[in-house]
Amino acid sequence: MSTHVVVARMAGLAGRAAELRTLLTDRAQVSRGEPGCVGYDVAELLDEPVTFLVVETWASTDAMRAHFGSPEHAAYQLAVGELLARPSEVALHDVGRTTRPAPSTSPTDPGRFG
């Protein structure tokens, strides 16, 4: 069984960055509670003003389809459209396996210090 990872890159309108940030944050919080949602993260790119990445991970095709077919997602799509400078760039990945490396033992690795 595979998981599905959706990566969306969104370029927002400069004067409406705060609105877009709030909408994306709210959507992430709601989506994380949906059945089959393994992860839903939003990041703002540091080197591109008003550009966000949304990374969603779904446990199954059915869970992902239920999410995208929900009335809540339809309302989100309507709201986000007026906050974007251009259409989002979206990629869907079907992941058969995920490997997580062991924690670093290097004394110079900043990740070791929290």
C-alpha atoms as a PDB file:
ATOM      1  CA  MET A   1       0.000   0.000   0.000  1.00  0.00           C
ATOM      2  CA  SER A   2       1.360   3.411  -0.904  1.00  0.00           C
ATOM      3  CA  THR A   3       0.885   6.857   0.527  1.00  0.00           C
ATOM      4  CA  HIS A   4       0.188   9.943  -1.525  1.00  0.00           C
ATOM      5  CA  VAL A   5       2.077  13.199  -1.153  1.00  0.00           C
ATOM      6  CA  VAL A   6       0.713  16.382  -2.674  1.00  0.00           C
ATOM      7  CA  VAL A   7       3.099  19.335  -3.030  1.00  0.00           C
ATOM      8  CA  ALA A   8       1.602  22.687  -3.992  1.00  0.00           C
ATOM      9  CA  ARG A   9       3.584  25.873  -4.612  1.00  0.00           C
ATOM     10  CA  MET A  10       1.480  29.025  -4.294  1.00  0.00           C
ATOM     11  CA  ALA A  11       2.391  32.567  -5.281  1.00  0.00           C
ATOM     12  CA  GLY A  12       0.205  35.022  -3.420  1.00  0.00           C
ATOM     13  CA  LEU A  13      -0.678  38.632  -4.104  1.00  0.00           C
ATOM     14  CA  ALA A  14       1.774  40.952  -2.338  1.00  0.00           C
ATOM     15  CA  GLY A  15      -0.851  43.057  -0.586  1.00  0.00           C
ATOM     16  CA  ARG A  16      -2.749  40.018   0.697  1.00  0.00           C
ATOM     17  CA  ALA A  17       0.023  37.871   2.174  1.00  0.00           C
ATOM     18  CA  ALA A  18      -1.429  37.914   5.696  1.00  0.00           C
ATOM     19  CA  GLU A  19      -4.814  36.725   4.442  1.00  0.00           C
ATOM     20  CA  LEU A  20      -3.240  33.897   2.457  1.00  0.00           C
ATOM     21  CA  ARG A  21      -1.048  32.874   5.410  1.00  0.00           C
ATOM     22  CA  THR A  22      -4.112  32.727   7.689  1.00  0.00           C
ATOM     23  CA  LEU A  23      -6.190  30.778   5.158  1.00  0.00           C
ATOM     24  CA  LEU A  24      -3.412  28.217   4.625  1.00  0.00           C
ATOM     25  CA  THR A  25      -2.827  27.850   8.375  1.00  0.00           C
ATOM     26  CA  ASP A  26      -6.536  27.344   9.059  1.00  0.00           C
ATOM     27  CA  ARG A  27      -6.847  24.831   6.221  1.00  0.00           C
ATOM     28  CA  ALA A  28      -3.881  22.854   7.540  1.00  0.00           C
ATOM     29  CA  GLN A  29      -5.374  22.625  11.033  1.00  0.00           C
ATOM     30  CA  VAL A  30      -8.709  21.349   9.705  1.00  0.00           C
ATOM     31  CA  SER A  31      -7.127  18.913   7.251  1.00  0.00           C
ATOM     32  CA  ARG A  32      -4.879  17.349   9.890  1.00  0.00           C
ATOM     33  CA  GLY A  33      -8.026  16.102  11.640  1.00  0.00           C
ATOM     34  CA  GLU A  34      -9.429  14.381   8.560  1.00  0.00           C
ATOM     35  CA  PRO A  35      -9.385  10.569   8.328  1.00  0.00           C
ATOM     36  CA  GLY A  36      -6.297   9.356   6.486  1.00  0.00           C
ATOM     37  CA  CYS A  37      -4.305  12.577   6.809  1.00  0.00           C
ATOM     38  CA  VAL A  38      -0.766  11.590   7.769  1.00  0.00           C
ATOM     39  CA  GLY A  39       0.632  15.116   7.567  1.00  0.00           C
ATOM     40  CA  TYR A  40      -0.235  18.587   6.337  1.00  0.00           C
ATOM     41  CA  ASP A  41       2.463  21.239   6.468  1.00  0.00           C
ATOM     42  CA  VAL A  42       2.642  24.802   5.205  1.00  0.00           C
ATOM     43  CA  ALA A  43       5.919  26.667   4.702  1.00  0.00           C
ATOM     44  CA  GLU A  44       6.677  30.172   3.517  1.00  0.00           C
ATOM     45  CA  LEU A  45       9.681  30.484   1.219  1.00  0.00           C
ATOM     46  CA  LEU A  46      12.295  32.816   2.612  1.00  0.00           C
ATOM     47  CA  ASP A  47      13.771  33.886  -0.719  1.00  0.00           C
ATOM     48  CA  GLU A  48      10.490  34.428  -2.597  1.00  0.00           C
ATOM     49  CA  PRO A  49       8.067  36.924  -1.067  1.00  0.00           C
ATOM     50  CA  VAL A  50       4.492  35.704  -0.605  1.00  0.00           C
ATOM     51  CA  THR A  51       5.285  32.206  -1.881  1.00  0.00           C
ATOM     52  CA  PHE A  52       4.143  29.170   0.089  1.00  0.00           C
ATOM     53  CA  LEU A  53       4.586  25.415  -0.119  1.00  0.00           C
ATOM     54  CA  VAL A  54       1.874  23.075   1.076  1.00  0.00           C
ATOM     55  CA  VAL A  55       2.862  19.431   1.596  1.00  0.00           C
ATOM     56  CA  GLU A  56       0.031  16.985   2.274  1.00  0.00           C
ATOM     57  CA  THR A  57       0.483  13.275   2.996  1.00  0.00           C
ATOM     58  CA  TRP A  58      -2.479  10.900   2.712  1.00  0.00           C
ATOM     59  CA  ALA A  59      -2.618   7.270   3.824  1.00  0.00           C
ATOM     60  CA  SER A  60      -4.662   6.158   0.814  1.00  0.00           C
ATOM     61  CA  THR A  61      -6.157   7.225  -2.485  1.00  0.00           C
ATOM     62  CA  ASP A  62      -9.618   7.108  -0.917  1.00  0.00           C
ATOM     63  CA  ALA A  63      -8.618   9.447   1.923  1.00  0.00           C
ATOM     64  CA  MET A  64      -7.031  11.904  -0.500  1.00  0.00           C
ATOM     65  CA  ARG A  65     -10.066  11.849  -2.797  1.00  0.00           C
ATOM     66  CA  ALA A  66     -12.433  12.361   0.135  1.00  0.00           C
ATOM     67  CA  HIS A  67     -10.384  15.395   1.181  1.00  0.00           C
ATOM     68  CA  PHE A  68     -10.368  16.973  -2.276  1.00  0.00           C
ATOM     69  CA  GLY A  69     -14.040  16.145  -2.811  1.00  0.00           C
ATOM     70  CA  SER A  70     -15.265  17.653   0.455  1.00  0.00           C
ATOM     71  CA  PRO A  71     -17.424  20.785   0.684  1.00  0.00           C
ATOM     72  CA  GLU A  72     -14.739  22.296   2.959  1.00  0.00           C
ATOM     73  CA  HIS A  73     -12.113  21.921   0.248  1.00  0.00           C
ATOM     74  CA  ALA A  74     -14.454  23.455  -2.312  1.00  0.00           C
ATOM     75  CA  ALA A  75     -14.933  26.492  -0.038  1.00  0.00           C
ATOM     76  CA  TYR A  76     -11.160  26.731   0.444  1.00  0.00           C
ATOM     77  CA  GLN A  77     -10.593  26.625  -3.338  1.00  0.00           C
ATOM     78  CA  LEU A  78     -13.031  29.491  -3.789  1.00  0.00           C
ATOM     79  CA  ALA A  79     -11.360  31.578  -1.068  1.00  0.00           C
ATOM     80  CA  VAL A  80      -7.742  30.914  -2.086  1.00  0.00           C
ATOM     81  CA  GLY A  81      -8.308  31.760  -5.747  1.00  0.00           C
ATOM     82  CA  GLU A  82      -8.667  35.478  -5.075  1.00  0.00           C
ATOM     83  CA  LEU A  83      -5.432  35.540  -3.041  1.00  0.00           C
ATOM     84  CA  LEU A  84      -3.132  34.066  -5.699  1.00  0.00           C
ATOM     85  CA  ALA A  85      -1.061  35.892  -8.305  1.00  0.00           C
ATOM     86  CA  ARG A  86      -1.225  32.852 -10.632  1.00  0.00           C
ATOM     87  CA  PRO A  87      -2.495  29.268 -10.521  1.00  0.00           C
ATOM     88  CA  SER A  88      -0.761  26.962  -8.052  1.00  0.00           C
ATOM     89  CA  GLU A  89       1.867  24.485  -9.216  1.00  0.00           C
ATOM     90  CA  VAL A  90       0.806  21.081  -7.908  1.00  0.00           C
ATOM     91  CA  ALA A  91       2.560  17.694  -8.008  1.00  0.00           C
ATOM     92  CA  LEU A  92       1.143  14.412  -6.747  1.00  0.00           C
ATOM     93  CA  HIS A  93       3.580  11.692  -5.666  1.00  0.00           C
ATOM     94  CA  ASP A  94       2.609   8.053  -5.153  1.00  0.00           C
ATOM     95  CA  VAL A  95       5.135   6.821  -2.576  1.00  0.00           C
ATOM     96  CA  GLY A  96       5.673   3.089  -2.203  1.00  0.00           C
ATOM     97  CA  ARG A  97       8.139   3.310   0.644  1.00  0.00           C
ATOM     98  CA  THR A  98       9.576   5.906   3.025  1.00  0.00           C
ATOM     99  CA  THR A  99      12.925   5.571   4.758  1.00  0.00           C
ATOM    100  CA  ARG A 100      13.885   7.721   7.718  1.00  0.00           C
ATOM    101  CA  PRO A 101      17.591   7.955   8.499  1.00  0.00           C
ATOM    102  CA  ALA A 102      18.861   7.287  12.007  1.00  0.00           C
ATOM    103  CA  PRO A 103      19.544  10.364  14.147  1.00  0.00           C
ATOM    104  CA  SER A 104      22.921  11.930  13.544  1.00  0.00           C
ATOM    105  CA  THR A 105      25.759  11.171  15.922  1.00  0.00           C
ATOM    106  CA  SER A 106      27.961  13.965  14.567  1.00  0.00           C
ATOM    107  CA  PRO A 107      28.948  16.476  17.282  1.00  0.00           C
ATOM    108  CA  THR A 108      28.813  19.257  14.670  1.00  0.00           C
ATOM    109  CA  ASP A 109      25.243  18.508  13.536  1.00  0.00           C
ATOM    110  CA  PRO A 110      23.012  21.409  14.709  1.00  0.00           C
ATOM    111  CA  GLY A 111      20.019  19.065  14.655  1.00  0.00           C
ATOM    112  CA  ARG A 112      21.443  17.232  17.670  1.00  0.00           C
ATOM    113  CA  PHE A 113      21.016  20.291  19.856  1.00  0.00           C
ATOM    114  CA  GLY A 114      17.297  20.810  19.286  1.00  0.00           C
END
